Amino acid sequence: MKKKKNYMDFIPCCNPLYTWDENQEGIVTVHVVNKGFYNRLAQILLKKPRLSHISLDGYGSFVWKQMDGKRSVYDISLLIKDKFGKEAEPVVQRLVQYFRILYQNQFIGYVKEK
């Protein structure tokens, strides 16, 4: 019988292909290089930029800075509760959905499980 994996035990880490920086207000901006044939075509024909800058909101920036390859999803959820309190509720559902979106768009990966 296959053992089910607990998503809260996953340890997220930022994709090393993307650089990021933080402004004075603590907002994270992720820099994505648009590579590939179709992106290059859009850059030439439609004057699209080679580098995209994706700014995260306050919650997303806080979570992004907590992903160090050592903290699990559960650990990060506790840090969010401490920092934002009831304002961030429902923490677990929102955080899991956020990580799924980041993973689907290849902004993060998972190091291992706890």
PDB file of N, CA and C in Angstrom:
ATOM      1  N   MET A   1       0.839  -1.174   0.000  1.00  0.00           N
ATOM      2  CA  MET A   1       0.000   0.000   0.000  1.00  0.00           C
ATOM      3  C   MET A   1       0.893   1.249   0.000  1.00  0.00           C
ATOM      4  N   LYS A   2       0.554   2.190  -0.837  1.00  0.00           N
ATOM      5  CA  LYS A   2       1.349   3.398  -0.984  1.00  0.00           C
ATOM      6  C   LYS A   2       1.030   4.376   0.147  1.00  0.00           C
ATOM      7  N   LYS A   3       2.079   4.912   0.761  1.00  0.00           N
ATOM      8  CA  LYS A   3       1.919   5.857   1.857  1.00  0.00           C
ATOM      9  C   LYS A   3       1.633   7.244   1.290  1.00  0.00           C
ATOM     10  N   LYS A   4       0.612   7.922   1.832  1.00  0.00           N
ATOM     11  CA  LYS A   4       0.286   9.274   1.397  1.00  0.00           C
ATOM     12  C   LYS A   4       1.298  10.250   1.971  1.00  0.00           C
ATOM     13  N   LYS A   5       1.633  11.254   1.181  1.00  0.00           N
ATOM     14  CA  LYS A   5       2.583  12.270   1.612  1.00  0.00           C
ATOM     15  C   LYS A   5       1.827  13.452   2.199  1.00  0.00           C
ATOM     16  N   ASN A   6       2.354  13.986   3.265  1.00  0.00           N
ATOM     17  CA  ASN A   6       1.787  15.159   3.906  1.00  0.00           C
ATOM     18  C   ASN A   6       2.447  16.404   3.322  1.00  0.00           C
ATOM     19  N   TYR A   7       1.655  17.247   2.703  1.00  0.00           N
ATOM     20  CA  TYR A   7       2.181  18.446   2.042  1.00  0.00           C
ATOM     21  C   TYR A   7       2.876  19.375   3.026  1.00  0.00           C
ATOM     22  N   MET A   8       2.448  19.358   4.279  1.00  0.00           N
ATOM     23  CA  MET A   8       3.025  20.245   5.290  1.00  0.00           C
ATOM     24  C   MET A   8       4.470  19.878   5.626  1.00  0.00           C
ATOM     25  N   ASP A   9       4.902  18.662   5.268  1.00  0.00           N
ATOM     26  CA  ASP A   9       6.272  18.229   5.532  1.00  0.00           C
ATOM     27  C   ASP A   9       7.233  18.585   4.402  1.00  0.00           C
ATOM     28  N   PHE A  10       6.726  19.072   3.279  1.00  0.00           N
ATOM     29  CA  PHE A  10       7.582  19.432   2.156  1.00  0.00           C
ATOM     30  C   PHE A  10       8.426  20.657   2.521  1.00  0.00           C
ATOM     31  N   ILE A  11       9.638  20.705   1.979  1.00  0.00           N
ATOM     32  CA  ILE A  11      10.547  21.821   2.234  1.00  0.00           C
ATOM     33  C   ILE A  11      10.774  22.566   0.919  1.00  0.00           C
ATOM     34  N   PRO A  12      10.145  23.753   0.768  1.00  0.00           N
ATOM     35  CA  PRO A  12      10.293  24.504  -0.488  1.00  0.00           C
ATOM     36  C   PRO A  12      11.597  25.284  -0.533  1.00  0.00           C
ATOM     37  N   CYS A  13      12.080  25.496  -1.752  1.00  0.00           N
ATOM     38  CA  CYS A  13      13.251  26.350  -1.957  1.00  0.00           C
ATOM     39  C   CYS A  13      13.054  27.119  -3.263  1.00  0.00           C
ATOM     40  N   CYS A  14      13.645  28.282  -3.340  1.00  0.00           N
ATOM     41  CA  CYS A  14      13.531  29.128  -4.529  1.00  0.00           C
ATOM     42  C   CYS A  14      14.306  28.514  -5.682  1.00  0.00           C
ATOM     43  N   ASN A  15      13.779  28.675  -6.890  1.00  0.00           N
ATOM     44  CA  ASN A  15      14.447  28.189  -8.089  1.00  0.00           C
ATOM     45  C   ASN A  15      15.701  29.039  -8.323  1.00  0.00           C
ATOM     46  N   PRO A  16      16.875  28.395  -8.399  1.00  0.00           N
ATOM     47  CA  PRO A  16      18.114  29.178  -8.573  1.00  0.00           C
ATOM     48  C   PRO A  16      18.244  29.841  -9.950  1.00  0.00           C
ATOM     49  N   LEU A  17      17.365  29.505 -10.887  1.00  0.00           N
ATOM     50  CA  LEU A  17      17.410  30.134 -12.206  1.00  0.00           C
ATOM     51  C   LEU A  17      16.913  31.578 -12.176  1.00  0.00           C
ATOM     52  N   TYR A  18      16.145  31.919 -11.138  1.00  0.00           N
ATOM     53  CA  TYR A  18      15.571  33.256 -11.040  1.00  0.00           C
ATOM     54  C   TYR A  18      16.275  34.051  -9.951  1.00  0.00           C
ATOM     55  N   THR A  19      16.625  35.282 -10.273  1.00  0.00           N
ATOM     56  CA  THR A  19      17.191  36.170  -9.265  1.00  0.00           C
ATOM     57  C   THR A  19      16.057  36.965  -8.644  1.00  0.00           C
ATOM     58  N   TRP A  20      16.295  37.503  -7.494  1.00  0.00           N
ATOM     59  CA  TRP A  20      15.294  38.330  -6.829  1.00  0.00           C
ATOM     60  C   TRP A  20      15.983  39.353  -5.945  1.00  0.00           C
ATOM     61  N   ASP A  21      15.253  40.423  -5.668  1.00  0.00           N
ATOM     62  CA  ASP A  21      15.749  41.422  -4.735  1.00  0.00           C
ATOM     63  C   ASP A  21      14.590  41.962  -3.922  1.00  0.00           C
ATOM     64  N   GLU A  22      14.939  42.745  -2.928  1.00  0.00           N
ATOM     65  CA  GLU A  22      13.951  43.272  -1.988  1.00  0.00           C
ATOM     66  C   GLU A  22      14.098  44.789  -1.936  1.00  0.00           C
ATOM     67  N   ASN A  23      12.965  45.504  -1.971  1.00  0.00           N
ATOM     68  CA  ASN A  23      13.036  46.956  -1.884  1.00  0.00           C
ATOM     69  C   ASN A  23      13.011  47.408  -0.425  1.00  0.00           C
ATOM     70  N   GLN A  24      12.980  48.694  -0.188  1.00  0.00           N
ATOM     71  CA  GLN A  24      13.041  49.239   1.170  1.00  0.00           C
ATOM     72  C   GLN A  24      11.826  48.877   2.014  1.00  0.00           C
ATOM     73  N   GLU A  25      10.680  48.647   1.363  1.00  0.00           N
ATOM     74  CA  GLU A  25       9.465  48.285   2.094  1.00  0.00           C
ATOM     75  C   GLU A  25       9.387  46.786   2.388  1.00  0.00           C
ATOM     76  N   GLY A  26      10.363  46.015   1.908  1.00  0.00           N
ATOM     77  CA  GLY A  26      10.368  44.575   2.145  1.00  0.00           C
ATOM     78  C   GLY A  26       9.653  43.773   1.073  1.00  0.00           C
ATOM     79  N   ILE A  27       9.279  44.402  -0.033  1.00  0.00           N
ATOM     80  CA  ILE A  27       8.586  43.721  -1.129  1.00  0.00           C
ATOM     81  C   ILE A  27       9.620  43.059  -2.040  1.00  0.00           C
ATOM     82  N   VAL A  28       9.396  41.787  -2.333  1.00  0.00           N
ATOM     83  CA  VAL A  28      10.305  41.002  -3.167  1.00  0.00           C
ATOM     84  C   VAL A  28       9.895  41.132  -4.632  1.00  0.00           C
ATOM     85  N   THR A  29      10.885  41.312  -5.499  1.00  0.00           N
ATOM     86  CA  THR A  29      10.678  41.301  -6.941  1.00  0.00           C
ATOM     87  C   THR A  29      11.522  40.179  -7.525  1.00  0.00           C
ATOM     88  N   VAL A  30      10.862  39.259  -8.236  1.00  0.00           N
ATOM     89  CA  VAL A  30      11.538  38.132  -8.871  1.00  0.00           C
ATOM     90  C   VAL A  30      11.793  38.502 -10.324  1.00  0.00           C
ATOM     91  N   HIS A  31      13.006  38.253 -10.797  1.00  0.00           N
ATOM     92  CA  HIS A  31      13.395  38.600 -12.167  1.00  0.00           C
ATOM     93  C   HIS A  31      13.459  37.317 -12.997  1.00  0.00           C
ATOM     94  N   VAL A  32      12.691  37.298 -14.084  1.00  0.00           N
ATOM     95  CA  VAL A  32      12.589  36.125 -14.938  1.00  0.00           C
ATOM     96  C   VAL A  32      13.078  36.469 -16.334  1.00  0.00           C
ATOM     97  N   VAL A  33      14.049  35.701 -16.820  1.00  0.00           N
ATOM     98  CA  VAL A  33      14.543  35.878 -18.188  1.00  0.00           C
ATOM     99  C   VAL A  33      13.626  35.084 -19.112  1.00  0.00           C
ATOM    100  N   ASN A  34      13.070  35.746 -20.112  1.00  0.00           N
ATOM    101  CA  ASN A  34      12.173  35.102 -21.066  1.00  0.00           C
ATOM    102  C   ASN A  34      12.998  34.461 -22.177  1.00  0.00           C
ATOM    103  N   LYS A  35      13.149  33.147 -22.104  1.00  0.00           N
ATOM    104  CA  LYS A  35      13.953  32.405 -23.071  1.00  0.00           C
ATOM    105  C   LYS A  35      13.048  31.572 -23.969  1.00  0.00           C
ATOM    106  N   GLY A  36      13.620  31.037 -25.005  1.00  0.00           N
ATOM    107  CA  GLY A  36      12.885  30.145 -25.890  1.00  0.00           C
ATOM    108  C   GLY A  36      12.492  30.821 -27.190  1.00  0.00           C
ATOM    109  N   PHE A  37      12.112  29.994 -28.136  1.00  0.00           N
ATOM    110  CA  PHE A  37      11.787  30.469 -29.474  1.00  0.00           C
ATOM    111  C   PHE A  37      10.625  31.455 -29.475  1.00  0.00           C
ATOM    112  N   TYR A  38       9.507  31.089 -28.821  1.00  0.00           N
ATOM    113  CA  TYR A  38       8.317  31.935 -28.855  1.00  0.00           C
ATOM    114  C   TYR A  38       8.522  33.236 -28.078  1.00  0.00           C
ATOM    115  N   ASN A  39       9.259  33.169 -26.992  1.00  0.00           N
ATOM    116  CA  ASN A  39       9.571  34.400 -26.265  1.00  0.00           C
ATOM    117  C   ASN A  39      10.457  35.316 -27.092  1.00  0.00           C
ATOM    118  N   ARG A  40      11.427  34.733 -27.772  1.00  0.00           N
ATOM    119  CA  ARG A  40      12.320  35.533 -28.621  1.00  0.00           C
ATOM    120  C   ARG A  40      11.535  36.171 -29.768  1.00  0.00           C
ATOM    121  N   LEU A  41      10.625  35.413 -30.349  1.00  0.00           N
ATOM    122  CA  LEU A  41       9.778  35.931 -31.414  1.00  0.00           C
ATOM    123  C   LEU A  41       8.924  37.099 -30.918  1.00  0.00           C
ATOM    124  N   ALA A  42       8.343  36.964 -29.736  1.00  0.00           N
ATOM    125  CA  ALA A  42       7.535  38.039 -29.155  1.00  0.00           C
ATOM    126  C   ALA A  42       8.391  39.260 -28.851  1.00  0.00           C
ATOM    127  N   GLN A  43       9.640  39.048 -28.456  1.00  0.00           N
ATOM    128  CA  GLN A  43      10.536  40.168 -28.170  1.00  0.00           C
ATOM    129  C   GLN A  43      10.829  40.967 -29.435  1.00  0.00           C
ATOM    130  N   ILE A  44      10.997  40.262 -30.527  1.00  0.00           N
ATOM    131  CA  ILE A  44      11.323  40.921 -31.790  1.00  0.00           C
ATOM    132  C   ILE A  44      10.096  41.582 -32.408  1.00  0.00           C
ATOM    133  N   LEU A  45       9.014  40.813 -32.540  1.00  0.00           N
ATOM    134  CA  LEU A  45       7.835  41.315 -33.241  1.00  0.00           C
ATOM    135  C   LEU A  45       6.962  42.235 -32.395  1.00  0.00           C
ATOM    136  N   LEU A  46       6.779  41.901 -31.139  1.00  0.00           N
ATOM    137  CA  LEU A  46       5.852  42.649 -30.292  1.00  0.00           C
ATOM    138  C   LEU A  46       6.551  43.558 -29.286  1.00  0.00           C
ATOM    139  N   LYS A  47       7.868  43.627 -29.382  1.00  0.00           N
ATOM    140  CA  LYS A  47       8.664  44.482 -28.494  1.00  0.00           C
ATOM    141  C   LYS A  47       8.454  44.127 -27.015  1.00  0.00           C
ATOM    142  N   LYS A  48       8.343  42.833 -26.731  1.00  0.00           N
ATOM    143  CA  LYS A  48       8.213  42.364 -25.351  1.00  0.00           C
ATOM    144  C   LYS A  48       9.581  42.367 -24.688  1.00  0.00           C
ATOM    145  N   PRO A  49       9.642  42.589 -23.381  1.00  0.00           N
ATOM    146  CA  PRO A  49      10.945  42.657 -22.709  1.00  0.00           C
ATOM    147  C   PRO A  49      11.601  41.282 -22.566  1.00  0.00           C
ATOM    148  N   ARG A  50      12.911  41.282 -22.545  1.00  0.00           N
ATOM    149  CA  ARG A  50      13.673  40.047 -22.353  1.00  0.00           C
ATOM    150  C   ARG A  50      13.622  39.613 -20.897  1.00  0.00           C
ATOM    151  N   LEU A  51      13.477  40.564 -19.994  1.00  0.00           N
ATOM    152  CA  LEU A  51      13.465  40.297 -18.562  1.00  0.00           C
ATOM    153  C   LEU A  51      12.152  40.787 -17.974  1.00  0.00           C
ATOM    154  N   SER A  52      11.432  39.898 -17.288  1.00  0.00           N
ATOM    155  CA  SER A  52      10.192  40.270 -16.615  1.00  0.00           C
ATOM    156  C   SER A  52      10.466  40.433 -15.126  1.00  0.00           C
ATOM    157  N   HIS A  53       9.817  41.405 -14.525  1.00  0.00           N
ATOM    158  CA  HIS A  53       9.963  41.672 -13.090  1.00  0.00           C
ATOM    159  C   HIS A  53       8.610  41.411 -12.436  1.00  0.00           C
ATOM    160  N   ILE A  54       8.560  40.442 -11.529  1.00  0.00           N
ATOM    161  CA  ILE A  54       7.315  40.061 -10.879  1.00  0.00           C
ATOM    162  C   ILE A  54       7.395  40.478  -9.423  1.00  0.00           C
ATOM    163  N   SER A  55       6.572  41.448  -9.042  1.00  0.00           N
ATOM    164  CA  SER A  55       6.548  41.936  -7.666  1.00  0.00           C
ATOM    165  C   SER A  55       5.516  41.149  -6.870  1.00  0.00           C
ATOM    166  N   LEU A  56       5.915  40.677  -5.712  1.00  0.00           N
ATOM    167  CA  LEU A  56       5.020  39.939  -4.831  1.00  0.00           C
ATOM    168  C   LEU A  56       4.377  40.905  -3.844  1.00  0.00           C
ATOM    169  N   ASP A  57       3.247  40.498  -3.278  1.00  0.00           N
ATOM    170  CA  ASP A  57       2.609  41.334  -2.261  1.00  0.00           C
ATOM    171  C   ASP A  57       3.290  41.103  -0.910  1.00  0.00           C
ATOM    172  N   GLY A  58       2.768  41.690   0.141  1.00  0.00           N
ATOM    173  CA  GLY A  58       3.375  41.590   1.465  1.00  0.00           C
ATOM    174  C   GLY A  58       3.467  40.176   1.989  1.00  0.00           C
ATOM    175  N   TYR A  59       2.371  39.410   1.844  1.00  0.00           N
ATOM    176  CA  TYR A  59       2.370  38.015   2.301  1.00  0.00           C
ATOM    177  C   TYR A  59       3.343  37.174   1.471  1.00  0.00           C
ATOM    178  N   GLY A  60       3.256  37.330   0.159  1.00  0.00           N
ATOM    179  CA  GLY A  60       4.118  36.560  -0.736  1.00  0.00           C
ATOM    180  C   GLY A  60       5.583  36.867  -0.513  1.00  0.00           C
ATOM    181  N   SER A  61       5.902  38.128  -0.276  1.00  0.00           N
ATOM    182  CA  SER A  61       7.284  38.519  -0.015  1.00  0.00           C
ATOM    183  C   SER A  61       7.785  37.896   1.280  1.00  0.00           C
ATOM    184  N   PHE A  62       6.947  37.901   2.300  1.00  0.00           N
ATOM    185  CA  PHE A  62       7.337  37.300   3.578  1.00  0.00           C
ATOM    186  C   PHE A  62       7.608  35.804   3.405  1.00  0.00           C
ATOM    187  N   VAL A  63       6.703  35.124   2.705  1.00  0.00           N
ATOM    188  CA  VAL A  63       6.862  33.681   2.482  1.00  0.00           C
ATOM    189  C   VAL A  63       8.118  33.414   1.659  1.00  0.00           C
ATOM    190  N   TRP A  64       8.338  34.202   0.607  1.00  0.00           N
ATOM    191  CA  TRP A  64       9.503  34.011  -0.266  1.00  0.00           C
ATOM    192  C   TRP A  64      10.801  34.080   0.542  1.00  0.00           C
ATOM    193  N   LYS A  65      10.871  35.041   1.460  1.00  0.00           N
ATOM    194  CA  LYS A  65      12.087  35.211   2.255  1.00  0.00           C
ATOM    195  C   LYS A  65      12.276  34.099   3.286  1.00  0.00           C
ATOM    196  N   GLN A  66      11.206  33.369   3.602  1.00  0.00           N
ATOM    197  CA  GLN A  66      11.310  32.283   4.576  1.00  0.00           C
ATOM    198  C   GLN A  66      11.765  30.971   3.942  1.00  0.00           C
ATOM    199  N   MET A  67      11.701  30.864   2.623  1.00  0.00           N
ATOM    200  CA  MET A  67      12.097  29.630   1.933  1.00  0.00           C
ATOM    201  C   MET A  67      13.617  29.563   1.860  1.00  0.00           C
ATOM    202  N   ASP A  68      14.199  28.812   2.764  1.00  0.00           N
ATOM    203  CA  ASP A  68      15.653  28.717   2.834  1.00  0.00           C
ATOM    204  C   ASP A  68      16.167  27.303   2.595  1.00  0.00           C
ATOM    205  N   GLY A  69      15.267  26.385   2.247  1.00  0.00           N
ATOM    206  CA  GLY A  69      15.680  25.003   2.029  1.00  0.00           C
ATOM    207  C   GLY A  69      15.763  24.206   3.318  1.00  0.00           C
ATOM    208  N   LYS A  70      15.390  24.824   4.438  1.00  0.00           N
ATOM    209  CA  LYS A  70      15.416  24.149   5.736  1.00  0.00           C
ATOM    210  C   LYS A  70      14.050  24.134   6.401  1.00  0.00           C
ATOM    211  N   ARG A  71      13.242  25.151   6.140  1.00  0.00           N
ATOM    212  CA  ARG A  71      11.918  25.251   6.768  1.00  0.00           C
ATOM    213  C   ARG A  71      10.882  24.506   5.943  1.00  0.00           C
ATOM    214  N   SER A  72      10.024  23.773   6.619  1.00  0.00           N
ATOM    215  CA  SER A  72       8.941  23.059   5.946  1.00  0.00           C
ATOM    216  C   SER A  72       7.763  24.013   5.733  1.00  0.00           C
ATOM    217  N   VAL A  73       6.796  23.575   4.975  1.00  0.00           N
ATOM    218  CA  VAL A  73       5.578  24.360   4.751  1.00  0.00           C
ATOM    219  C   VAL A  73       4.911  24.633   6.097  1.00  0.00           C
ATOM    220  N   TYR A  74       4.911  23.644   6.983  1.00  0.00           N
ATOM    221  CA  TYR A  74       4.315  23.808   8.314  1.00  0.00           C
ATOM    222  C   TYR A  74       5.047  24.890   9.106  1.00  0.00           C
ATOM    223  N   ASP A  75       6.376  24.868   9.085  1.00  0.00           N
ATOM    224  CA  ASP A  75       7.164  25.873   9.802  1.00  0.00           C
ATOM    225  C   ASP A  75       6.855  27.278   9.289  1.00  0.00           C
ATOM    226  N   ILE A  76       6.745  27.406   7.980  1.00  0.00           N
ATOM    227  CA  ILE A  76       6.443  28.711   7.384  1.00  0.00           C
ATOM    228  C   ILE A  76       5.043  29.165   7.775  1.00  0.00           C
ATOM    229  N   SER A  77       4.095  28.232   7.850  1.00  0.00           N
ATOM    230  CA  SER A  77       2.728  28.601   8.257  1.00  0.00           C
ATOM    231  C   SER A  77       2.716  29.148   9.687  1.00  0.00           C
ATOM    232  N   LEU A  78       3.532  28.586  10.564  1.00  0.00           N
ATOM    233  CA  LEU A  78       3.615  29.102  11.938  1.00  0.00           C
ATOM    234  C   LEU A  78       4.211  30.508  11.970  1.00  0.00           C
ATOM    235  N   LEU A  79       5.212  30.757  11.133  1.00  0.00           N
ATOM    236  CA  LEU A  79       5.807  32.091  11.061  1.00  0.00           C
ATOM    237  C   LEU A  79       4.805  33.122  10.547  1.00  0.00           C
ATOM    238  N   ILE A  80       3.973  32.713   9.591  1.00  0.00           N
ATOM    239  CA  ILE A  80       2.940  33.615   9.064  1.00  0.00           C
ATOM    240  C   ILE A  80       1.934  33.955  10.154  1.00  0.00           C
ATOM    241  N   LYS A  81       1.520  32.933  10.918  1.00  0.00           N
ATOM    242  CA  LYS A  81       0.575  33.172  12.018  1.00  0.00           C
ATOM    243  C   LYS A  81       1.160  34.143  13.032  1.00  0.00           C
ATOM    244  N   ASP A  82       2.447  33.991  13.347  1.00  0.00           N
ATOM    245  CA  ASP A  82       3.092  34.885  14.308  1.00  0.00           C
ATOM    246  C   ASP A  82       3.165  36.316  13.787  1.00  0.00           C
ATOM    247  N   LYS A  83       3.479  36.476  12.512  1.00  0.00           N
ATOM    248  CA  LYS A  83       3.668  37.816  11.944  1.00  0.00           C
ATOM    249  C   LYS A  83       2.350  38.530  11.647  1.00  0.00           C
ATOM    250  N   PHE A  84       1.397  37.822  11.013  1.00  0.00           N
ATOM    251  CA  PHE A  84       0.177  38.469  10.532  1.00  0.00           C
ATOM    252  C   PHE A  84      -1.061  38.184  11.377  1.00  0.00           C
ATOM    253  N   GLY A  85      -1.014  37.161  12.216  1.00  0.00           N
ATOM    254  CA  GLY A  85      -2.148  36.847  13.088  1.00  0.00           C
ATOM    255  C   GLY A  85      -3.399  36.453  12.319  1.00  0.00           C
ATOM    256  N   LYS A  86      -4.546  36.922  12.811  1.00  0.00           N
ATOM    257  CA  LYS A  86      -5.836  36.559  12.208  1.00  0.00           C
ATOM    258  C   LYS A  86      -6.023  37.147  10.814  1.00  0.00           C
ATOM    259  N   GLU A  87      -5.234  38.157  10.507  1.00  0.00           N
ATOM    260  CA  GLU A  87      -5.305  38.810   9.201  1.00  0.00           C
ATOM    261  C   GLU A  87      -5.001  37.830   8.056  1.00  0.00           C
ATOM    262  N   ALA A  88      -4.211  36.795   8.338  1.00  0.00           N
ATOM    263  CA  ALA A  88      -3.782  35.844   7.304  1.00  0.00           C
ATOM    264  C   ALA A  88      -4.651  34.588   7.250  1.00  0.00           C
ATOM    265  N   GLU A  89      -5.660  34.492   8.064  1.00  0.00           N
ATOM    266  CA  GLU A  89      -6.491  33.286   8.092  1.00  0.00           C
ATOM    267  C   GLU A  89      -7.283  33.131   6.804  1.00  0.00           C
ATOM    268  N   PRO A  90      -7.549  31.946   6.336  1.00  0.00           N
ATOM    269  CA  PRO A  90      -7.060  30.619   6.736  1.00  0.00           C
ATOM    270  C   PRO A  90      -5.645  30.387   6.191  1.00  0.00           C
ATOM    271  N   VAL A  91      -4.694  30.328   7.077  1.00  0.00           N
ATOM    272  CA  VAL A  91      -3.273  30.296   6.718  1.00  0.00           C
ATOM    273  C   VAL A  91      -2.917  29.071   5.888  1.00  0.00           C
ATOM    274  N   VAL A  92      -3.278  27.903   6.356  1.00  0.00           N
ATOM    275  CA  VAL A  92      -2.831  26.667   5.701  1.00  0.00           C
ATOM    276  C   VAL A  92      -3.361  26.569   4.279  1.00  0.00           C
ATOM    277  N   GLN A  93      -4.645  26.815   4.084  1.00  0.00           N
ATOM    278  CA  GLN A  93      -5.228  26.717   2.743  1.00  0.00           C
ATOM    279  C   GLN A  93      -4.603  27.730   1.795  1.00  0.00           C
ATOM    280  N   ARG A  94      -4.427  28.947   2.258  1.00  0.00           N
ATOM    281  CA  ARG A  94      -3.842  29.985   1.412  1.00  0.00           C
ATOM    282  C   ARG A  94      -2.396  29.668   1.070  1.00  0.00           C
ATOM    283  N   LEU A  95      -1.643  29.193   2.070  1.00  0.00           N
ATOM    284  CA  LEU A  95      -0.226  28.897   1.861  1.00  0.00           C
ATOM    285  C   LEU A  95      -0.038  27.726   0.902  1.00  0.00           C
ATOM    286  N   VAL A  96      -0.830  26.674   1.073  1.00  0.00           N
ATOM    287  CA  VAL A  96      -0.725  25.514   0.189  1.00  0.00           C
ATOM    288  C   VAL A  96      -1.057  25.911  -1.247  1.00  0.00           C
ATOM    289  N   GLN A  97      -2.098  26.698  -1.435  1.00  0.00           N
ATOM    290  CA  GLN A  97      -2.463  27.153  -2.780  1.00  0.00           C
ATOM    291  C   GLN A  97      -1.357  28.029  -3.368  1.00  0.00           C
ATOM    292  N   TYR A  98      -0.770  28.886  -2.568  1.00  0.00           N
ATOM    293  CA  TYR A  98       0.321  29.756  -3.015  1.00  0.00           C
ATOM    294  C   TYR A  98       1.514  28.920  -3.474  1.00  0.00           C
ATOM    295  N   PHE A  99       1.884  27.909  -2.688  1.00  0.00           N
ATOM    296  CA  PHE A  99       3.002  27.047  -3.068  1.00  0.00           C
ATOM    297  C   PHE A  99       2.696  26.242  -4.318  1.00  0.00           C
ATOM    298  N   ARG A 100       1.469  25.822  -4.483  1.00  0.00           N
ATOM    299  CA  ARG A 100       1.096  25.094  -5.707  1.00  0.00           C
ATOM    300  C   ARG A 100       1.259  25.977  -6.936  1.00  0.00           C
ATOM    301  N   ILE A 101       0.838  27.222  -6.842  1.00  0.00           N
ATOM    302  CA  ILE A 101       0.972  28.158  -7.961  1.00  0.00           C
ATOM    303  C   ILE A 101       2.446  28.410  -8.265  1.00  0.00           C
ATOM    304  N   LEU A 102       3.248  28.645  -7.221  1.00  0.00           N
ATOM    305  CA  LEU A 102       4.678  28.873  -7.424  1.00  0.00           C
ATOM    306  C   LEU A 102       5.336  27.654  -8.059  1.00  0.00           C
ATOM    307  N   TYR A 103       4.946  26.467  -7.618  1.00  0.00           N
ATOM    308  CA  TYR A 103       5.534  25.233  -8.151  1.00  0.00           C
ATOM    309  C   TYR A 103       5.135  25.018  -9.614  1.00  0.00           C
ATOM    310  N   GLN A 104       3.865  25.245  -9.932  1.00  0.00           N
ATOM    311  CA  GLN A 104       3.392  25.072 -11.304  1.00  0.00           C
ATOM    312  C   GLN A 104       4.088  26.035 -12.266  1.00  0.00           C
ATOM    313  N   ASN A 105       4.426  27.212 -11.789  1.00  0.00           N
ATOM    314  CA  ASN A 105       5.116  28.207 -12.623  1.00  0.00           C
ATOM    315  C   ASN A 105       6.630  28.116 -12.503  1.00  0.00           C
ATOM    316  N   GLN A 106       7.113  27.074 -11.850  1.00  0.00           N
ATOM    317  CA  GLN A 106       8.533  26.750 -11.710  1.00  0.00           C
ATOM    318  C   GLN A 106       9.332  27.820 -10.972  1.00  0.00           C
ATOM    319  N   PHE A 107       8.696  28.543 -10.059  1.00  0.00           N
ATOM    320  CA  PHE A 107       9.407  29.505  -9.238  1.00  0.00           C
ATOM    321  C   PHE A 107      10.065  28.827  -8.042  1.00  0.00           C
ATOM    322  N   ILE A 108       9.531  27.682  -7.633  1.00  0.00           N
ATOM    323  CA  ILE A 108      10.105  26.947  -6.503  1.00  0.00           C
ATOM    324  C   ILE A 108      10.222  25.478  -6.835  1.00  0.00           C
ATOM    325  N   GLY A 109      10.961  24.788  -6.016  1.00  0.00           N
ATOM    326  CA  GLY A 109      11.063  23.348  -6.055  1.00  0.00           C
ATOM    327  C   GLY A 109      10.997  22.860  -4.618  1.00  0.00           C
ATOM    328  N   TYR A 110      11.065  21.575  -4.438  1.00  0.00           N
ATOM    329  CA  TYR A 110      11.048  21.014  -3.092  1.00  0.00           C
ATOM    330  C   TYR A 110      12.336  20.253  -2.881  1.00  0.00           C
ATOM    331  N   VAL A 111      13.034  20.579  -1.791  1.00  0.00           N
ATOM    332  CA  VAL A 111      14.313  19.954  -1.486  1.00  0.00           C
ATOM    333  C   VAL A 111      14.087  18.495  -1.120  1.00  0.00           C
ATOM    334  N   LYS A 112      13.232  18.255  -0.161  1.00  0.00           N
ATOM    335  CA  LYS A 112      12.924  16.914   0.328  1.00  0.00           C
ATOM    336  C   LYS A 112      11.793  17.037   1.313  1.00  0.00           C
ATOM    337  N   GLU A 113      11.432  15.919   1.875  1.00  0.00           N
ATOM    338  CA  GLU A 113      10.449  15.935   2.950  1.00  0.00           C
ATOM    339  C   GLU A 113      11.171  15.855   4.263  1.00  0.00           C
ATOM    340  N   LYS A 114      10.518  16.311   5.306  1.00  0.00           N
ATOM    341  CA  LYS A 114      11.084  16.229   6.637  1.00  0.00           C
ATOM    342  C   LYS A 114      11.240  14.797   7.075  1.00  0.00           C
TER     343      LYS A 114
END
